[in-house]
C-alpha cells in the first residue's frame, strides 16, 4: 500500500490510466478479492499523510496548549522571541 500512499498508483501520473498499478500489484489485489471501487479509489489517491506525522502534530499541539494555559507569560515570551528570530 506504500505504492498507493505516495501516489505512484495515481491515474494522473500515468498515460493511459490503466497502467497505474504494476501487473504484479494488480494481480495480487484481484487475487485477494479487491472490488473495483477499491482499485478505482487507489488510482485517485495522490498522497496520503502518514498517521505517525498526524499523531506527532497532535501531540505537539496538546503540549503547546498545556503550556499556553499553565504558563501564559513564558509561552508568550517564547513566541515573541521565535517571531523576532524568524522575521515574523
C-alpha atoms as a PDB file:
ATOM      1  CA  UNK A   1       0.000   0.000   0.000  1.00  0.00           C
ATOM      2  CA  UNK A   2       3.033   2.268   0.256  1.00  0.00           C
ATOM      3  CA  UNK A   3       2.902   2.341  -3.550  1.00  0.00           C
ATOM      4  CA  UNK A   4      -0.584   3.882  -3.327  1.00  0.00           C
ATOM      5  CA  UNK A   5       0.155   6.134  -0.310  1.00  0.00           C
ATOM      6  CA  UNK A   6       2.921   8.054  -2.053  1.00  0.00           C
ATOM      7  CA  UNK A   7       0.835   8.488  -5.208  1.00  0.00           C
ATOM      8  CA  UNK A   8       2.627   6.108  -7.558  1.00  0.00           C
ATOM      9  CA  UNK A   9      -0.697   4.469  -8.440  1.00  0.00           C
ATOM     10  CA  UNK A  10      -2.336   7.798  -9.275  1.00  0.00           C
ATOM     11  CA  UNK A  11      -4.025   7.862 -12.665  1.00  0.00           C
ATOM     12  CA  UNK A  12      -2.833  11.457 -13.155  1.00  0.00           C
ATOM     13  CA  UNK A  13       0.789  10.269 -13.331  1.00  0.00           C
ATOM     14  CA  UNK A  14       0.215   7.569 -15.942  1.00  0.00           C
ATOM     15  CA  UNK A  15      -0.943   7.561 -19.531  1.00  0.00           C
ATOM     16  CA  UNK A  16      -3.064   5.569 -20.208  1.00  0.00           C
ATOM     17  CA  UNK A  17      -4.620   5.494 -16.727  1.00  0.00           C
ATOM     18  CA  UNK A  18      -4.960   1.708 -16.656  1.00  0.00           C
ATOM     19  CA  UNK A  19      -1.154   1.388 -16.325  1.00  0.00           C
ATOM     20  CA  UNK A  20      -1.172   2.848 -12.781  1.00  0.00           C
ATOM     21  CA  UNK A  21      -0.553  -0.403 -10.969  1.00  0.00           C
ATOM     22  CA  UNK A  22       2.284  -2.719 -11.821  1.00  0.00           C
ATOM     23  CA  UNK A  23       0.939  -6.019 -13.184  1.00  0.00           C
ATOM     24  CA  UNK A  24       2.017  -7.931 -10.064  1.00  0.00           C
ATOM     25  CA  UNK A  25       0.195  -5.403  -7.841  1.00  0.00           C
ATOM     26  CA  UNK A  26      -2.958  -5.609  -9.931  1.00  0.00           C
ATOM     27  CA  UNK A  27      -2.910  -9.423  -9.929  1.00  0.00           C
ATOM     28  CA  UNK A  28      -2.311  -9.579  -6.172  1.00  0.00           C
ATOM     29  CA  UNK A  29      -5.194  -7.214  -5.451  1.00  0.00           C
ATOM     30  CA  UNK A  30      -7.584  -9.113  -7.684  1.00  0.00           C
ATOM     31  CA  UNK A  31      -6.443 -12.457  -6.230  1.00  0.00           C
ATOM     32  CA  UNK A  32      -7.391 -11.384  -2.710  1.00  0.00           C
ATOM     33  CA  UNK A  33     -10.810 -10.210  -3.867  1.00  0.00           C
ATOM     34  CA  UNK A  34     -10.421  -6.433  -4.057  1.00  0.00           C
ATOM     35  CA  UNK A  35     -13.516  -4.869  -5.544  1.00  0.00           C
ATOM     36  CA  UNK A  36     -13.499  -2.472  -8.497  1.00  0.00           C
ATOM     37  CA  UNK A  37     -14.408   0.552  -6.361  1.00  0.00           C
ATOM     38  CA  UNK A  38     -11.301  -0.084  -4.222  1.00  0.00           C
ATOM     39  CA  UNK A  39      -9.000  -0.301  -7.234  1.00  0.00           C
ATOM     40  CA  UNK A  40     -10.506   2.877  -8.674  1.00  0.00           C
ATOM     41  CA  UNK A  41     -10.083   4.759  -5.407  1.00  0.00           C
ATOM     42  CA  UNK A  42      -6.439   3.650  -5.176  1.00  0.00           C
ATOM     43  CA  UNK A  43      -5.865   5.193  -8.593  1.00  0.00           C
ATOM     44  CA  UNK A  44      -7.340   8.513  -7.394  1.00  0.00           C
ATOM     45  CA  UNK A  45      -5.024   8.863  -4.384  1.00  0.00           C
ATOM     46  CA  UNK A  46      -2.220  11.337  -4.997  1.00  0.00           C
ATOM     47  CA  UNK A  47      -0.762  11.431  -1.486  1.00  0.00           C
ATOM     48  CA  UNK A  48      -1.821  10.247   1.956  1.00  0.00           C
ATOM     49  CA  UNK A  49      -0.460  11.954   5.041  1.00  0.00           C
ATOM     50  CA  UNK A  50       1.165   9.312   7.259  1.00  0.00           C
ATOM     51  CA  UNK A  51      -0.652   8.626  10.527  1.00  0.00           C
ATOM     52  CA  UNK A  52       2.559   8.932  12.511  1.00  0.00           C
ATOM     53  CA  UNK A  53       3.045  12.509  11.381  1.00  0.00           C
ATOM     54  CA  UNK A  54      -0.522  13.393  12.238  1.00  0.00           C
ATOM     55  CA  UNK A  55      -0.191  11.842  15.691  1.00  0.00           C
ATOM     56  CA  UNK A  56       3.077  13.700  16.319  1.00  0.00           C
ATOM     57  CA  UNK A  57       1.460  17.002  15.320  1.00  0.00           C
ATOM     58  CA  UNK A  58      -1.496  16.352  17.635  1.00  0.00           C
ATOM     59  CA  UNK A  59       0.928  15.572  20.461  1.00  0.00           C
ATOM     60  CA  UNK A  60       2.840  18.812  19.864  1.00  0.00           C
ATOM     61  CA  UNK A  61      -0.408  20.760  19.774  1.00  0.00           C
ATOM     62  CA  UNK A  62      -1.519  19.258  23.096  1.00  0.00           C
ATOM     63  CA  UNK A  63       1.796  20.256  24.683  1.00  0.00           C
ATOM     64  CA  UNK A  64       1.571  23.743  23.234  1.00  0.00           C
ATOM     65  CA  UNK A  65      -1.945  24.233  24.575  1.00  0.00           C
ATOM     66  CA  UNK A  66      -0.910  22.925  28.008  1.00  0.00           C
ATOM     67  CA  UNK A  67       1.955  25.420  28.210  1.00  0.00           C
ATOM     68  CA  UNK A  68      -0.239  28.246  26.913  1.00  0.00           C
ATOM     69  CA  UNK A  69      -2.802  27.561  29.651  1.00  0.00           C
ATOM     70  CA  UNK A  70      -0.495  26.945  32.605  1.00  0.00           C
ATOM     71  CA  UNK A  71       2.441  29.263  31.764  1.00  0.00           C
ATOM     72  CA  UNK A  72       0.943  32.012  29.568  1.00  0.00           C
ATOM     73  CA  UNK A  73       3.630  34.663  30.177  1.00  0.00           C
ATOM     74  CA  UNK A  74       6.531  32.347  29.399  1.00  0.00           C
ATOM     75  CA  UNK A  75       4.735  30.965  26.349  1.00  0.00           C
ATOM     76  CA  UNK A  76       4.120  34.468  25.021  1.00  0.00           C
ATOM     77  CA  UNK A  77       7.787  35.358  25.528  1.00  0.00           C
ATOM     78  CA  UNK A  78       8.898  32.268  23.633  1.00  0.00           C
ATOM     79  CA  UNK A  79       6.540  33.062  20.745  1.00  0.00           C
ATOM     80  CA  UNK A  80       7.744  36.653  20.566  1.00  0.00           C
ATOM     81  CA  UNK A  81      11.379  35.579  20.615  1.00  0.00           C
ATOM     82  CA  UNK A  82      10.772  32.975  17.899  1.00  0.00           C
ATOM     83  CA  UNK A  83       8.892  35.519  15.784  1.00  0.00           C
ATOM     84  CA  UNK A  84      11.757  38.019  16.085  1.00  0.00           C
ATOM     85  CA  UNK A  85      14.354  35.411  15.156  1.00  0.00           C
ATOM     86  CA  UNK A  86      12.391  34.216  12.142  1.00  0.00           C
ATOM     87  CA  UNK A  87      11.351  37.646  10.905  1.00  0.00           C
ATOM     88  CA  UNK A  88       7.620  37.349  11.511  1.00  0.00           C
END
